[in-house]
Amino acid sequence: MLKNLIIYPLLLIFFISCKSLNNSLSVVIIERSKPDEEKEKISLDESYKYDVDEDFLTDIKYPFRFKKDAVSSIVFHYTAQKFKKSLRSLTNGGNSSHWLVPEKGDTIYKIVNEDRRARHAGESRWKYRKNLNVISVGVEIVNLGFRCRALRKYCPKNSLEWLEYPEEQQKLIVALAKDIQKRYNVDPMCVVGHADIAPERKLDPGPLFPWKRLADNGVGAWVTEEEIQREIQNIKKTITGEISRLIVQIRFHEFGYDIKKEGTSDKSLHNKILKYQYSMRKSPIGELSELNKVNDFGNKKPDNNIFDDNKTNFAIQAFLMHYRPKLYLANENNDQFTDHYDKHKLDHNPDHESDNDVNNKAKYNVANIEILATLQALLIKYPNKTRVSCEFDLAK
């Protein structure tokens, strides 16, 4: 009798639990049945919260910002180190960031207050502005970047195994980014990765970083495949002949990447292009027909010595990782990248050391029209910072 009194309630609890579990599982099944594109559009719950650990603040080592250098950009990095070494590296005075996002948990670490300049960007340039440390919030994320399947110091791209950002960590990244965005209202085109602002040196935060998820949550820029295809059709209708590398380079310059030759001023570059009746200051971005004459010249003289070819290759690499990651990952080549074995040292300084082998030329077999269409779609969708710096105009 006593045995029955114990067993029957247990069975009842078991059946109730199964029914509850089935109900919850049905939700999961519905979620998994959605296409990947649709799942990516789901915004993070506004109620998602995180804790802030301020025990590792290193403020006294870094200067306050001037009023004219208000925060107007966000720069994302991966640390290329595990958590404890990342924390040590960012607090020993050599380099730093404002925030460190761990792989798991619900705590984010504040390293430097946002009213001070952290040392996270190193030698950098974006949208005519040098030294992004001055105007940006730096967010370091614990992630080793990639492994090399070839087990070599210099790893070919087709042997790279990029490491994912766990779901738990992505939620922290998005929640923190949304809070930074609320504080400073950063323009979408000024939310960048380390590779965007230092493309010859850096690969972080890599092609698996959740750029699209951030944009879906109101931080940064993104365009859909449909928007890109629409621009491909516009280009085909408007520009005669093959799409030259030169007009892709013009758009990269207008977009913000540093691809000028050393010693070339913006004024001299503008005057060179103006000879072909295109103004990088006044020609409307949407008027593709104005690129026809400069496109003809670019096709006749592909080695025109106007932009830096090597810088362009690295800009393409950074751009594809950020805005066309699937295209980047599908485009294998034998370029050499530095493996991360040396980055796990305690004295590693990720802002100054290069991710790239000195012989890396970063060449990609991606059609010019694909790159131009993506650039065009982004510039039309987010026009506010075209041809201008991310800095705020305090006079307005």
Protein backbone atom coordinates (compact mmCIF):
# COMPACT_ATOMS: atom_id res chain seq x y z
CA MET A 1 0.00 0.00 0.00
CA LEU A 2 2.78 2.36 0.97
CA LYS A 3 4.62 1.40 -2.20
CA ASN A 4 1.56 2.33 -4.31
CA LEU A 5 1.19 5.65 -2.52
CA ILE A 6 4.75 6.50 -3.55
CA ILE A 7 4.67 5.14 -7.12
CA TYR A 8 1.34 6.65 -8.30
CA PRO A 9 2.20 10.27 -7.47
CA LEU A 10 5.58 9.81 -9.15
CA LEU A 11 3.90 8.48 -12.29
CA LEU A 12 1.47 11.41 -12.26
CA ILE A 13 4.37 13.91 -12.02
CA PHE A 14 6.14 12.07 -14.85
CA PHE A 15 3.12 12.30 -17.21
CA ILE A 16 2.56 15.99 -16.39
CA SER A 17 6.26 16.66 -17.04
CA CYS A 18 6.08 14.83 -20.37
CA LYS A 19 3.08 16.87 -21.42
CA SER A 20 4.87 20.08 -20.45
CA LEU A 21 8.02 18.95 -22.24
CA ASN A 22 6.08 18.11 -25.37
CA ASN A 23 4.56 21.58 -25.36
CA SER A 24 7.96 23.23 -25.02
CA LEU A 25 9.46 20.95 -27.66
CA SER A 26 6.78 21.93 -30.14
CA VAL A 27 7.98 25.52 -29.87
CA VAL A 28 11.55 24.46 -30.53
CA ILE A 29 10.51 22.40 -33.55
CA ILE A 30 8.62 25.34 -35.04
CA GLU A 31 11.66 27.53 -34.48
CA ARG A 32 14.00 25.06 -36.19
CA SER A 33 11.67 24.67 -39.13
CA LYS A 34 12.17 28.32 -40.09
CA PRO A 35 14.66 29.06 -42.86
CA ASP A 36 18.04 30.39 -41.72
CA GLU A 37 17.34 33.84 -43.19
CA GLU A 38 14.07 34.12 -41.25
CA LYS A 39 15.66 32.97 -37.99
CA GLU A 40 18.40 35.59 -38.34
CA LYS A 41 15.76 38.34 -38.49
CA ILE A 42 14.49 37.62 -34.98
CA SER A 43 15.46 40.52 -32.72
CA LEU A 44 16.94 40.04 -29.29
CA ASP A 45 14.43 40.38 -26.47
CA GLU A 46 14.57 43.92 -25.07
CA SER A 47 14.53 42.44 -21.58
CA TYR A 48 17.86 40.63 -22.05
CA LYS A 49 20.16 41.90 -19.27
CA TYR A 50 23.81 41.49 -18.37
CA ASP A 51 25.97 42.30 -15.37
CA VAL A 52 28.98 44.64 -15.54
CA ASP A 53 32.20 43.77 -13.71
CA GLU A 54 34.26 46.92 -13.00
CA ASP A 55 36.96 45.27 -10.90
CA PHE A 56 39.50 45.51 -13.75
CA LEU A 57 39.17 49.20 -14.65
CA THR A 58 42.47 50.69 -15.81
CA ASP A 59 41.29 54.29 -16.26
CA ILE A 60 44.33 56.07 -14.86
CA LYS A 61 46.44 54.83 -17.77
CA TYR A 62 44.32 56.47 -20.49
CA PRO A 63 43.44 60.12 -21.27
CA PHE A 64 39.99 61.68 -21.27
CA ARG A 65 38.36 62.48 -24.62
CA PHE A 66 38.11 66.08 -25.76
CA LYS A 67 34.63 67.45 -26.50
CA LYS A 68 35.37 67.57 -30.23
CA ASP A 69 36.30 63.88 -30.12
CA ALA A 70 32.91 62.60 -29.01
CA VAL A 71 32.22 58.88 -29.51
CA SER A 72 31.01 58.38 -33.07
CA SER A 73 32.19 54.86 -33.91
CA ILE A 74 32.18 51.32 -32.52
CA VAL A 75 35.05 48.92 -33.32
CA PHE A 76 34.74 45.16 -32.73
CA HIS A 77 37.71 42.83 -32.20
CA TYR A 78 38.40 39.25 -31.24
CA THR A 79 41.15 38.77 -28.65
CA ALA A 80 42.84 35.70 -30.23
CA GLN A 81 43.38 34.56 -26.62
CA LYS A 82 41.39 32.70 -24.00
CA PHE A 83 39.57 34.65 -21.32
CA LYS A 84 42.21 34.91 -18.57
CA LYS A 85 44.98 35.90 -20.97
CA SER A 86 42.64 38.33 -22.72
CA LEU A 87 41.87 40.00 -19.40
CA ARG A 88 45.57 40.25 -18.52
CA SER A 89 46.52 41.57 -21.96
CA LEU A 90 43.87 44.28 -21.81
CA THR A 91 44.79 45.47 -18.32
CA ASN A 92 48.60 45.41 -18.37
CA GLY A 93 48.92 48.84 -20.01
CA GLY A 94 50.13 47.76 -23.44
CA ASN A 95 46.72 47.78 -25.07
CA SER A 96 43.15 47.91 -23.88
CA SER A 97 39.50 48.24 -24.82
CA HIS A 98 36.42 49.69 -23.22
CA TRP A 99 34.69 46.32 -22.95
CA LEU A 100 35.57 42.63 -22.87
CA VAL A 101 32.88 40.08 -23.73
CA PRO A 102 33.58 36.53 -22.44
CA GLU A 103 32.53 33.33 -24.19
CA LYS A 104 29.83 32.46 -21.65
CA GLY A 105 27.94 33.75 -18.66
CA ASP A 106 25.99 36.98 -18.24
CA THR A 107 28.82 39.31 -17.16
CA ILE A 108 30.63 41.84 -19.37
CA TYR A 109 33.91 43.37 -18.18
CA LYS A 110 34.49 47.12 -18.22
CA ILE A 111 38.19 47.80 -18.82
CA VAL A 112 38.17 51.53 -19.62
CA ASN A 113 35.35 54.04 -19.12
CA GLU A 114 33.87 55.27 -22.38
CA ASP A 115 34.75 58.89 -21.60
CA ARG A 116 38.42 57.96 -22.04
CA ARG A 117 40.40 56.79 -25.07
CA ALA A 118 41.25 53.09 -24.90
CA ARG A 119 44.18 51.71 -26.91
CA HIS A 120 42.45 49.12 -29.09
CA ALA A 121 42.63 50.18 -32.75
CA GLY A 122 46.35 50.75 -33.24
CA GLU A 123 47.39 52.33 -36.52
CA SER A 124 44.03 52.80 -38.22
CA ARG A 125 42.06 54.83 -40.73
CA TRP A 126 38.38 54.93 -41.60
CA LYS A 127 36.44 57.50 -43.60
CA TYR A 128 39.28 60.04 -43.83
CA ARG A 129 39.96 59.81 -40.10
CA LYS A 130 43.23 58.46 -38.66
CA ASN A 131 43.57 56.95 -35.18
CA LEU A 132 40.12 55.53 -34.49
CA ASN A 133 41.02 55.22 -30.80
CA VAL A 134 40.13 58.89 -30.44
CA ILE A 135 36.48 58.66 -31.54
CA SER A 136 35.48 55.04 -30.91
CA VAL A 137 34.32 52.59 -28.30
CA GLY A 138 36.39 49.41 -28.52
CA VAL A 139 34.76 46.03 -27.84
CA GLU A 140 37.06 43.02 -27.47
CA ILE A 141 35.44 39.59 -27.68
CA VAL A 142 37.01 36.40 -26.37
CA ASN A 143 37.50 34.26 -29.47
CA LEU A 144 40.65 32.57 -30.81
CA GLY A 145 39.81 33.61 -34.38
CA PHE A 146 40.81 30.53 -36.33
CA ARG A 147 42.70 27.27 -36.27
CA CYS A 148 44.93 26.02 -39.05
CA ARG A 149 44.15 22.52 -40.29
CA ALA A 150 47.56 22.45 -42.01
CA LEU A 151 49.34 22.90 -38.64
CA ARG A 152 51.68 25.51 -40.07
CA LYS A 153 52.94 28.83 -38.79
CA TYR A 154 51.70 30.49 -41.99
CA CYS A 155 48.34 29.06 -42.83
CA PRO A 156 46.75 29.05 -46.33
CA LYS A 157 43.23 30.43 -46.41
CA ASN A 158 41.81 27.13 -47.61
CA SER A 159 43.16 25.48 -44.45
CA LEU A 160 41.64 28.00 -42.04
CA GLU A 161 38.95 26.84 -39.66
CA TRP A 162 37.17 29.92 -38.36
CA LEU A 163 35.83 29.61 -34.82
CA GLU A 164 32.20 30.45 -34.16
CA TYR A 165 30.84 32.91 -31.62
CA PRO A 166 28.60 30.86 -29.27
CA GLU A 167 24.93 31.80 -29.06
CA GLU A 168 25.29 32.83 -25.40
CA GLN A 169 28.13 35.17 -26.35
CA GLN A 170 26.27 36.59 -29.34
CA LYS A 171 23.44 37.65 -27.04
CA LEU A 172 25.93 39.52 -24.87
CA ILE A 173 27.50 41.18 -27.94
CA VAL A 174 24.13 42.34 -29.24
CA ALA A 175 22.87 43.53 -25.85
CA LEU A 176 26.06 45.54 -25.19
CA ALA A 177 26.09 46.97 -28.73
CA LYS A 178 22.48 48.09 -28.41
CA ASP A 179 23.30 49.90 -25.18
CA ILE A 180 26.30 51.65 -26.77
CA GLN A 181 24.11 52.60 -29.72
CA LYS A 182 21.52 54.15 -27.37
CA ARG A 183 24.21 56.25 -25.71
CA TYR A 184 25.84 57.64 -28.86
CA ASN A 185 23.52 57.05 -31.84
CA VAL A 186 26.40 55.79 -33.98
CA ASP A 187 25.80 55.89 -37.74
CA PRO A 188 25.47 52.37 -39.24
CA MET A 189 28.48 52.96 -41.49
CA CYS A 190 30.64 53.76 -38.46
CA VAL A 191 30.12 50.37 -36.82
CA VAL A 192 33.18 48.47 -38.01
CA GLY A 193 35.61 45.65 -37.36
CA HIS A 194 39.33 45.93 -36.75
CA ALA A 195 39.87 44.52 -40.25
CA ASP A 196 37.90 47.43 -41.77
CA ILE A 197 40.07 50.11 -40.18
CA ALA A 198 43.41 48.29 -40.55
CA PRO A 199 42.85 45.88 -43.48
CA GLU A 200 46.52 45.23 -44.26
CA ARG A 201 47.19 44.06 -40.69
CA LYS A 202 44.05 42.62 -39.16
CA LEU A 203 41.43 39.90 -39.76
CA ASP A 204 39.26 40.33 -36.67
CA PRO A 205 36.47 39.91 -35.87
CA GLY A 206 36.39 37.45 -38.82
CA PRO A 207 33.66 36.21 -41.17
CA LEU A 208 31.59 34.44 -38.49
CA PHE A 209 30.96 37.60 -36.46
CA PRO A 210 27.18 38.30 -36.19
CA TRP A 211 27.09 41.51 -38.28
CA LYS A 212 23.65 40.76 -39.68
CA ARG A 213 22.20 40.02 -36.26
CA LEU A 214 23.58 43.32 -34.99
CA ALA A 215 22.02 45.21 -37.91
CA ASP A 216 18.68 43.48 -37.30
CA ASN A 217 18.90 44.88 -33.78
CA GLY A 218 19.64 48.43 -34.89
CA VAL A 219 23.45 48.45 -34.77
CA GLY A 220 25.47 48.76 -37.97
CA ALA A 221 24.72 48.19 -41.65
CA TRP A 222 23.61 45.19 -43.71
CA VAL A 223 22.04 44.60 -47.11
CA THR A 224 20.11 41.58 -48.33
CA GLU A 225 20.79 39.42 -51.34
CA GLU A 226 17.69 40.92 -52.96
CA GLU A 227 19.06 44.44 -52.53
CA ILE A 228 22.39 43.38 -54.02
CA GLN A 229 20.74 41.68 -57.00
CA ARG A 230 18.68 44.80 -57.64
CA GLU A 231 21.88 46.84 -57.85
CA ILE A 232 23.46 44.28 -60.18
CA GLN A 233 20.57 44.82 -62.59
CA ASN A 234 20.93 48.62 -62.28
CA ILE A 235 24.65 48.37 -63.02
CA LYS A 236 24.09 46.19 -66.08
CA LYS A 237 21.52 48.65 -67.43
CA THR A 238 23.58 51.78 -66.79
CA ILE A 239 27.30 51.07 -67.13
CA THR A 240 28.59 49.99 -70.53
CA GLY A 241 31.30 47.37 -70.87
CA GLU A 242 32.93 45.21 -68.23
CA ILE A 243 33.07 46.63 -64.72
CA SER A 244 36.62 47.87 -64.19
CA ARG A 245 38.60 47.59 -60.99
CA LEU A 246 38.98 51.39 -61.07
CA ILE A 247 35.31 52.17 -60.41
CA VAL A 248 35.27 49.56 -57.64
CA GLN A 249 38.24 51.40 -56.13
CA ILE A 250 36.43 54.73 -56.40
CA ARG A 251 33.48 53.29 -54.48
CA PHE A 252 35.79 51.79 -51.84
CA HIS A 253 37.35 55.22 -51.34
CA GLU A 254 33.91 56.86 -51.07
CA PHE A 255 32.78 54.08 -48.72
CA GLY A 256 35.63 54.72 -46.29
CA TYR A 257 38.45 52.22 -46.86
CA ASP A 258 42.01 53.55 -46.97
CA ILE A 259 43.26 52.48 -50.42
CA LYS A 260 45.13 55.60 -51.52
CA LYS A 261 48.75 55.35 -52.55
CA GLU A 262 51.17 56.56 -49.91
CA GLY A 263 51.75 60.28 -50.23
CA THR A 264 48.63 60.87 -52.34
CA SER A 265 46.32 63.59 -51.06
CA ASP A 266 42.52 63.48 -51.31
CA LYS A 267 42.68 66.58 -53.50
CA SER A 268 45.11 65.11 -56.04
CA LEU A 269 43.12 61.87 -56.16
CA HIS A 270 39.93 63.84 -56.76
CA ASN A 271 41.55 65.82 -59.58
CA LYS A 272 42.81 62.66 -61.32
CA ILE A 273 39.30 61.17 -61.40
CA LEU A 274 37.71 64.51 -62.33
CA LYS A 275 39.49 64.31 -65.70
CA TYR A 276 36.98 61.60 -66.62
CA GLN A 277 33.98 63.72 -65.63
CA TYR A 278 33.33 62.04 -62.31
CA SER A 279 33.49 64.01 -59.06
CA MET A 280 34.14 62.10 -55.84
CA ARG A 281 32.68 65.10 -54.03
CA LYS A 282 29.59 66.01 -56.05
CA SER A 283 28.52 63.21 -58.41
CA PRO A 284 25.41 61.54 -56.93
CA ILE A 285 26.06 57.98 -55.77
CA GLY A 286 22.83 56.85 -57.41
CA GLU A 287 23.79 58.24 -60.85
CA LEU A 288 25.78 55.28 -62.13
CA SER A 289 25.91 56.67 -65.68
CA GLU A 290 28.45 59.24 -64.47
CA LEU A 291 30.92 56.40 -63.97
CA ASN A 292 30.90 55.38 -67.64
CA LYS A 293 33.87 57.45 -68.83
CA VAL A 294 36.05 56.56 -65.89
CA ASN A 295 35.05 52.92 -66.40
CA ASP A 296 36.19 53.08 -70.04
CA PHE A 297 39.53 54.45 -68.90
CA GLY A 298 39.83 51.76 -66.21
CA ASN A 299 39.26 49.02 -68.79
CA LYS A 300 41.74 50.50 -71.28
CA LYS A 301 44.43 51.01 -68.64
CA PRO A 302 43.91 48.59 -65.77
CA ASP A 303 47.38 49.49 -64.40
CA ASN A 304 46.45 53.15 -64.09
CA ASN A 305 48.48 53.88 -60.95
CA ILE A 306 45.66 55.89 -59.31
CA PHE A 307 44.90 53.71 -56.25
CA ASP A 308 47.11 51.26 -54.35
CA ASP A 309 46.42 47.76 -55.69
CA ASN A 310 47.67 45.89 -52.63
CA LYS A 311 45.64 48.04 -50.26
CA THR A 312 42.62 47.43 -52.50
CA ASN A 313 43.06 43.66 -52.19
CA PHE A 314 43.07 43.86 -48.40
CA ALA A 315 40.07 46.21 -48.43
CA ILE A 316 38.17 43.64 -50.53
CA GLN A 317 39.12 40.94 -48.02
CA ALA A 318 37.86 43.01 -45.07
CA PHE A 319 34.71 44.06 -46.94
CA LEU A 320 33.78 40.50 -47.91
CA MET A 321 34.31 39.22 -44.36
CA HIS A 322 32.02 41.96 -43.05
CA TYR A 323 29.25 42.28 -45.65
CA ARG A 324 29.48 39.10 -47.79
CA PRO A 325 30.85 36.44 -45.40
CA LYS A 326 29.41 33.49 -47.32
CA LEU A 327 31.06 34.73 -50.51
CA TYR A 328 34.33 35.21 -48.63
CA LEU A 329 34.25 31.70 -47.16
CA ALA A 330 33.39 30.14 -50.52
CA ASN A 331 36.30 31.87 -52.23
CA GLU A 332 39.34 29.73 -51.45
CA ASN A 333 42.87 30.75 -52.36
CA ASN A 334 46.42 30.10 -51.24
CA ASP A 335 47.11 33.42 -49.53
CA GLN A 336 49.12 32.97 -46.35
CA PHE A 337 47.92 34.07 -42.93
CA THR A 338 49.83 34.08 -39.65
CA ASP A 339 48.64 31.29 -37.40
CA HIS A 340 47.62 32.16 -33.85
CA TYR A 341 50.20 30.11 -31.98
CA ASP A 342 52.27 33.21 -31.18
CA LYS A 343 49.17 35.16 -30.12
CA HIS A 344 48.63 33.10 -27.02
CA LYS A 345 51.73 34.59 -25.39
CA LEU A 346 51.04 36.87 -22.44
CA ASP A 347 53.00 39.75 -23.97
CA HIS A 348 51.14 39.61 -27.27
CA ASN A 349 49.85 43.01 -28.41
CA PRO A 350 46.98 42.40 -30.84
CA ASP A 351 46.71 46.03 -31.96
CA HIS A 352 50.22 46.28 -33.39
CA GLU A 353 51.10 42.79 -34.59
CA SER A 354 49.88 41.75 -38.02
CA ASP A 355 47.63 38.78 -38.70
CA ASN A 356 49.01 38.54 -42.21
CA ASP A 357 52.15 36.92 -43.52
CA VAL A 358 54.38 39.52 -45.16
CA ASN A 359 53.90 37.79 -48.54
CA ASN A 360 50.11 37.76 -48.39
CA LYS A 361 48.52 39.62 -51.32
CA ALA A 362 44.89 38.88 -50.36
CA LYS A 363 43.66 38.24 -53.91
CA TYR A 364 40.07 37.10 -54.44
CA ASN A 365 38.32 35.73 -57.50
CA VAL A 366 35.13 37.69 -56.94
CA ALA A 367 33.58 39.51 -59.90
CA ASN A 368 33.88 43.30 -59.81
CA ILE A 369 30.15 43.64 -60.41
CA GLU A 370 29.40 41.63 -57.21
CA ILE A 371 31.60 43.90 -55.12
CA LEU A 372 30.35 47.09 -56.77
CA ALA A 373 26.70 46.07 -56.34
CA THR A 374 27.19 45.40 -52.61
CA LEU A 375 28.98 48.72 -52.14
CA GLN A 376 26.25 50.47 -54.11
CA ALA A 377 23.44 48.87 -52.11
CA LEU A 378 25.05 49.90 -48.82
CA LEU A 379 25.80 53.47 -49.90
CA ILE A 380 22.24 54.00 -51.11
CA LYS A 381 20.68 52.42 -48.01
CA TYR A 382 22.93 54.32 -45.56
CA PRO A 383 23.89 57.61 -47.27
CA ASN A 384 24.62 59.85 -44.25
CA LYS A 385 28.36 59.16 -44.01
CA THR A 386 29.18 58.83 -47.70
CA ARG A 387 32.40 60.74 -48.44
CA VAL A 388 32.55 62.21 -44.93
CA SER A 389 34.16 61.27 -41.62
CA CYS A 390 32.38 59.47 -38.81
CA GLU A 391 33.11 62.41 -36.55
CA PHE A 392 30.19 64.50 -35.36
CA ASP A 393 29.93 68.04 -36.64
CA LEU A 394 29.56 69.83 -33.31
CA ALA A 395 28.82 73.12 -35.09
CA LYS A 396 25.43 71.89 -36.29
